Amino acid sequence: MKIRLITIGKTNQDFVEKGFNEFCNRLKHYISFSTHVIPDIKNSKNLSSDQQKEKEGELILKNIQPGDYVVLLDEHGKEFSSVAFAEYLEKKTHVIPKTLVFVIGGPYGFSEEVYQAAKEKISLSRMTFSHQMIRLIFIEQIYRAMTILSNEPYHHE
């Protein structure tokens, strides 16, 4: 199984980008991991939130391949502890033949079409984080899950 992370918009905070790249490099040791950044929508200030979600949704759907298992990071999704998330990923490796695709949407969430394409939704917290920070937090959780599954000392209970 491969894991791909789709995000909307470029990271413009240097410390987030450095941290994200650090965890991308660490993940190579454990699993095939890739990212795809969908560029920010041009002239988004002139669009309603629904119009922006629709445009972002079209671009997200263009980056989903047949056979991909799509999971949205969404505030209304299922929450996991780090250990439970590791177990979730391990189970997925046995049942998903191709790619597990996680999607971090734009500031207004996802279009209805993207929700329909998704198999699941997960939430990292009931708190709200910037879309910049969520990338870093989420990739660290994927890395943490891999170290848990490998019985490495990164995670402490």
C-alpha atoms as a PDB file:
ATOM      1  CA  MET A   1       0.000   0.000   0.000  1.00  0.00           C
ATOM      2  CA  LYS A   2       1.036   3.567  -0.673  1.00  0.00           C
ATOM      3  CA  ILE A   3      -0.026   6.692   1.175  1.00  0.00           C
ATOM      4  CA  ARG A   4      -0.569   9.980  -0.619  1.00  0.00           C
ATOM      5  CA  LEU A   5      -1.472  13.294   0.973  1.00  0.00           C
ATOM      6  CA  ILE A   6      -3.339  15.865  -1.114  1.00  0.00           C
ATOM      7  CA  THR A   7      -3.393  19.425   0.182  1.00  0.00           C
ATOM      8  CA  ILE A   8      -4.755  22.737  -1.042  1.00  0.00           C
ATOM      9  CA  GLY A   9      -2.337  25.638  -1.330  1.00  0.00           C
ATOM     10  CA  LYS A  10       1.380  26.009  -0.918  1.00  0.00           C
ATOM     11  CA  THR A  11       2.940  26.192   2.512  1.00  0.00           C
ATOM     12  CA  ASN A  12       4.149  29.735   3.090  1.00  0.00           C
ATOM     13  CA  GLN A  13       5.488  29.305   6.611  1.00  0.00           C
ATOM     14  CA  ASP A  14       9.140  28.259   6.560  1.00  0.00           C
ATOM     15  CA  PHE A  15       9.072  26.336   9.854  1.00  0.00           C
ATOM     16  CA  VAL A  16       6.048  24.305   8.706  1.00  0.00           C
ATOM     17  CA  GLU A  17       7.702  23.474   5.400  1.00  0.00           C
ATOM     18  CA  LYS A  18      10.955  22.427   7.096  1.00  0.00           C
ATOM     19  CA  GLY A  19       9.126  20.231   9.593  1.00  0.00           C
ATOM     20  CA  PHE A  20       6.928  18.727   6.892  1.00  0.00           C
ATOM     21  CA  ASN A  21       9.942  17.899   4.722  1.00  0.00           C
ATOM     22  CA  GLU A  22      11.734  16.362   7.720  1.00  0.00           C
ATOM     23  CA  PHE A  23       8.859  13.939   8.360  1.00  0.00           C
ATOM     24  CA  CYS A  24       8.523  13.167   4.622  1.00  0.00           C
ATOM     25  CA  ASN A  25      12.146  12.074   4.632  1.00  0.00           C
ATOM     26  CA  ARG A  26      11.681  10.004   7.778  1.00  0.00           C
ATOM     27  CA  LEU A  27       8.636   8.238   6.335  1.00  0.00           C
ATOM     28  CA  LYS A  28      10.603   6.890   3.362  1.00  0.00           C
ATOM     29  CA  HIS A  29      12.089   4.316   5.743  1.00  0.00           C
ATOM     30  CA  TYR A  30       8.643   2.845   6.480  1.00  0.00           C
ATOM     31  CA  ILE A  31       6.214   3.271   3.605  1.00  0.00           C
ATOM     32  CA  SER A  32       5.779   4.666   0.120  1.00  0.00           C
ATOM     33  CA  PHE A  33       4.575   8.206   0.829  1.00  0.00           C
ATOM     34  CA  SER A  34       3.934  11.076  -1.563  1.00  0.00           C
ATOM     35  CA  THR A  35       2.288  14.456  -1.496  1.00  0.00           C
ATOM     36  CA  HIS A  36       0.446  16.522  -4.029  1.00  0.00           C
ATOM     37  CA  VAL A  37      -0.168  20.221  -3.496  1.00  0.00           C
ATOM     38  CA  ILE A  38      -3.063  21.711  -5.413  1.00  0.00           C
ATOM     39  CA  PRO A  39      -2.311  25.379  -6.104  1.00  0.00           C
ATOM     40  CA  ASP A  40      -4.415  28.020  -4.402  1.00  0.00           C
ATOM     41  CA  ILE A  41      -7.449  29.064  -6.411  1.00  0.00           C
ATOM     42  CA  LYS A  42      -6.744  32.305  -8.257  1.00  0.00           C
ATOM     43  CA  ASN A  43      -8.966  35.296  -7.447  1.00  0.00           C
ATOM     44  CA  SER A  44     -10.527  33.396  -4.533  1.00  0.00           C
ATOM     45  CA  LYS A  45     -11.367  36.711  -2.856  1.00  0.00           C
ATOM     46  CA  ASN A  46     -13.996  37.196  -5.576  1.00  0.00           C
ATOM     47  CA  LEU A  47     -15.597  33.798  -4.915  1.00  0.00           C
ATOM     48  CA  SER A  48     -18.132  32.746  -2.330  1.00  0.00           C
ATOM     49  CA  SER A  49     -17.076  29.972   0.034  1.00  0.00           C
ATOM     50  CA  ASP A  50     -19.280  27.522  -1.907  1.00  0.00           C
ATOM     51  CA  GLN A  51     -17.714  28.536  -5.223  1.00  0.00           C
ATOM     52  CA  GLN A  52     -14.240  28.120  -3.746  1.00  0.00           C
ATOM     53  CA  LYS A  53     -15.127  24.655  -2.396  1.00  0.00           C
ATOM     54  CA  GLU A  54     -16.467  23.655  -5.830  1.00  0.00           C
ATOM     55  CA  LYS A  55     -13.324  24.781  -7.655  1.00  0.00           C
ATOM     56  CA  GLU A  56     -11.057  23.103  -5.104  1.00  0.00           C
ATOM     57  CA  GLY A  57     -13.243  20.002  -5.268  1.00  0.00           C
ATOM     58  CA  GLU A  58     -12.830  19.716  -9.025  1.00  0.00           C
ATOM     59  CA  LEU A  59      -9.046  19.832  -8.614  1.00  0.00           C
ATOM     60  CA  ILE A  60      -9.080  17.318  -5.764  1.00  0.00           C
ATOM     61  CA  LEU A  61     -11.175  14.874  -7.790  1.00  0.00           C
ATOM     62  CA  LYS A  62      -8.798  15.183 -10.766  1.00  0.00           C
ATOM     63  CA  ASN A  63      -6.029  13.928  -8.463  1.00  0.00           C
ATOM     64  CA  ILE A  64      -7.885  10.830  -7.289  1.00  0.00           C
ATOM     65  CA  GLN A  65      -7.283   7.679  -9.298  1.00  0.00           C
ATOM     66  CA  PRO A  66      -9.619   4.701  -9.730  1.00  0.00           C
ATOM     67  CA  GLY A  67      -8.955   2.315  -6.854  1.00  0.00           C
ATOM     68  CA  ASP A  68      -7.739   5.031  -4.468  1.00  0.00           C
ATOM     69  CA  TYR A  69      -9.183   4.836  -0.967  1.00  0.00           C
ATOM     70  CA  VAL A  70      -9.987   8.434  -0.052  1.00  0.00           C
ATOM     71  CA  VAL A  71     -10.059   9.684   3.540  1.00  0.00           C
ATOM     72  CA  LEU A  72     -10.870  13.313   4.284  1.00  0.00           C
ATOM     73  CA  LEU A  73      -9.419  15.192   7.232  1.00  0.00           C
ATOM     74  CA  ASP A  74     -12.623  16.750   8.463  1.00  0.00           C
ATOM     75  CA  GLU A  75     -13.753  18.218  11.764  1.00  0.00           C
ATOM     76  CA  HIS A  76     -16.737  15.846  11.783  1.00  0.00           C
ATOM     77  CA  GLY A  77     -14.654  12.737  11.245  1.00  0.00           C
ATOM     78  CA  LYS A  78     -13.707   9.940  13.604  1.00  0.00           C
ATOM     79  CA  GLU A  79     -11.054  10.771  16.195  1.00  0.00           C
ATOM     80  CA  PHE A  80      -8.228   8.388  17.105  1.00  0.00           C
ATOM     81  CA  SER A  81      -5.543   8.143  19.732  1.00  0.00           C
ATOM     82  CA  SER A  82      -2.069   7.787  18.200  1.00  0.00           C
ATOM     83  CA  VAL A  83      -2.013   4.053  18.947  1.00  0.00           C
ATOM     84  CA  ALA A  84      -5.502   3.563  17.485  1.00  0.00           C
ATOM     85  CA  PHE A  85      -4.461   5.499  14.361  1.00  0.00           C
ATOM     86  CA  ALA A  86      -1.444   3.208  13.985  1.00  0.00           C
ATOM     87  CA  GLU A  87      -3.761   0.195  14.218  1.00  0.00           C
ATOM     88  CA  TYR A  88      -6.071   1.841  11.660  1.00  0.00           C
ATOM     89  CA  LEU A  89      -3.169   2.247   9.211  1.00  0.00           C
ATOM     90  CA  GLU A  90      -2.025  -1.319   9.783  1.00  0.00           C
ATOM     91  CA  LYS A  91      -5.518  -2.657   8.998  1.00  0.00           C
ATOM     92  CA  LYS A  92      -5.671  -0.534   5.862  1.00  0.00           C
ATOM     93  CA  THR A  93      -2.395  -2.030   4.598  1.00  0.00           C
ATOM     94  CA  HIS A  94      -4.121  -5.424   4.508  1.00  0.00           C
ATOM     95  CA  VAL A  95      -7.279  -4.342   2.685  1.00  0.00           C
ATOM     96  CA  ILE A  96      -6.331  -1.480   0.361  1.00  0.00           C
ATOM     97  CA  PRO A  97      -4.635  -2.777  -2.778  1.00  0.00           C
ATOM     98  CA  LYS A  98      -3.499   0.570  -4.158  1.00  0.00           C
ATOM     99  CA  THR A  99      -3.236   3.953  -2.509  1.00  0.00           C
ATOM    100  CA  LEU A 100      -4.615   5.351   0.721  1.00  0.00           C
ATOM    101  CA  VAL A 101      -5.231   9.025  -0.059  1.00  0.00           C
ATOM    102  CA  PHE A 102      -5.685  11.545   2.731  1.00  0.00           C
ATOM    103  CA  VAL A 103      -7.022  14.950   1.738  1.00  0.00           C
ATOM    104  CA  ILE A 104      -6.639  18.231   3.607  1.00  0.00           C
ATOM    105  CA  GLY A 105      -9.116  20.663   2.098  1.00  0.00           C
ATOM    106  CA  GLY A 106      -9.145  24.410   1.852  1.00  0.00           C
ATOM    107  CA  PRO A 107     -10.317  26.852   4.516  1.00  0.00           C
ATOM    108  CA  TYR A 108     -14.014  26.193   3.847  1.00  0.00           C
ATOM    109  CA  GLY A 109     -13.884  22.405   3.740  1.00  0.00           C
ATOM    110  CA  PHE A 110     -14.947  20.164   0.878  1.00  0.00           C
ATOM    111  CA  SER A 111     -17.515  20.218  -1.885  1.00  0.00           C
ATOM    112  CA  GLU A 112     -20.352  17.703  -1.808  1.00  0.00           C
ATOM    113  CA  GLU A 113     -18.728  15.808  -4.696  1.00  0.00           C
ATOM    114  CA  VAL A 114     -15.542  15.309  -2.677  1.00  0.00           C
ATOM    115  CA  TYR A 115     -17.544  14.088   0.322  1.00  0.00           C
ATOM    116  CA  GLN A 116     -19.259  11.581  -1.983  1.00  0.00           C
ATOM    117  CA  ALA A 117     -15.925  10.332  -3.344  1.00  0.00           C
ATOM    118  CA  ALA A 118     -14.533   9.729   0.134  1.00  0.00           C
ATOM    119  CA  LYS A 119     -14.796   6.437   1.980  1.00  0.00           C
ATOM    120  CA  GLU A 120     -14.139   7.911   5.430  1.00  0.00           C
ATOM    121  CA  LYS A 121     -13.534  11.091   7.385  1.00  0.00           C
ATOM    122  CA  ILE A 122     -11.115  11.456  10.262  1.00  0.00           C
ATOM    123  CA  SER A 123     -10.514  14.343  12.637  1.00  0.00           C
ATOM    124  CA  LEU A 124      -7.240  15.130  14.339  1.00  0.00           C
ATOM    125  CA  SER A 125      -8.887  17.156  17.075  1.00  0.00           C
ATOM    126  CA  ARG A 126     -12.018  19.018  17.997  1.00  0.00           C
ATOM    127  CA  MET A 127      -9.817  22.114  17.998  1.00  0.00           C
ATOM    128  CA  THR A 128      -9.342  24.160  14.840  1.00  0.00           C
ATOM    129  CA  PHE A 129      -5.874  24.383  13.287  1.00  0.00           C
ATOM    130  CA  SER A 130      -4.660  26.340  10.282  1.00  0.00           C
ATOM    131  CA  HIS A 131      -4.391  24.376   7.069  1.00  0.00           C
ATOM    132  CA  GLN A 132      -0.666  25.023   7.213  1.00  0.00           C
ATOM    133  CA  MET A 133      -0.259  23.486  10.669  1.00  0.00           C
ATOM    134  CA  ILE A 134      -2.530  20.505   9.978  1.00  0.00           C
ATOM    135  CA  ARG A 135      -0.063  19.293   7.341  1.00  0.00           C
ATOM    136  CA  LEU A 136       2.738  19.187   9.857  1.00  0.00           C
ATOM    137  CA  ILE A 137       0.617  17.694  12.639  1.00  0.00           C
ATOM    138  CA  PHE A 138      -0.823  15.014  10.364  1.00  0.00           C
ATOM    139  CA  ILE A 139       2.434  13.902   8.788  1.00  0.00           C
ATOM    140  CA  GLU A 140       3.952  13.658  12.260  1.00  0.00           C
ATOM    141  CA  GLN A 141       1.058  11.374  13.244  1.00  0.00           C
ATOM    142  CA  ILE A 142       1.668   9.159  10.218  1.00  0.00           C
ATOM    143  CA  TYR A 143       5.340   8.959  11.191  1.00  0.00           C
ATOM    144  CA  ARG A 144       4.399   8.253  14.815  1.00  0.00           C
ATOM    145  CA  ALA A 145       2.074   5.471  13.638  1.00  0.00           C
ATOM    146  CA  MET A 146       4.870   3.882  11.625  1.00  0.00           C
ATOM    147  CA  THR A 147       7.213   3.931  14.616  1.00  0.00           C
ATOM    148  CA  ILE A 148       4.497   2.413  16.823  1.00  0.00           C
ATOM    149  CA  LEU A 149       3.954  -0.382  14.307  1.00  0.00           C
ATOM    150  CA  SER A 150       7.721  -0.959  14.182  1.00  0.00           C
ATOM    151  CA  ASN A 151       7.992  -1.039  17.997  1.00  0.00           C
ATOM    152  CA  GLU A 152      10.423   1.870  17.951  1.00  0.00           C
ATOM    153  CA  PRO A 153      10.824   4.198  20.962  1.00  0.00           C
ATOM    154  CA  TYR A 154       9.511   7.418  19.366  1.00  0.00           C
ATOM    155  CA  HIS A 155       6.063   7.128  20.990  1.00  0.00           C
ATOM    156  CA  HIS A 156       5.725   6.937  24.770  1.00  0.00           C
ATOM    157  CA  GLU A 157       2.651   5.832  26.675  1.00  0.00           C
END
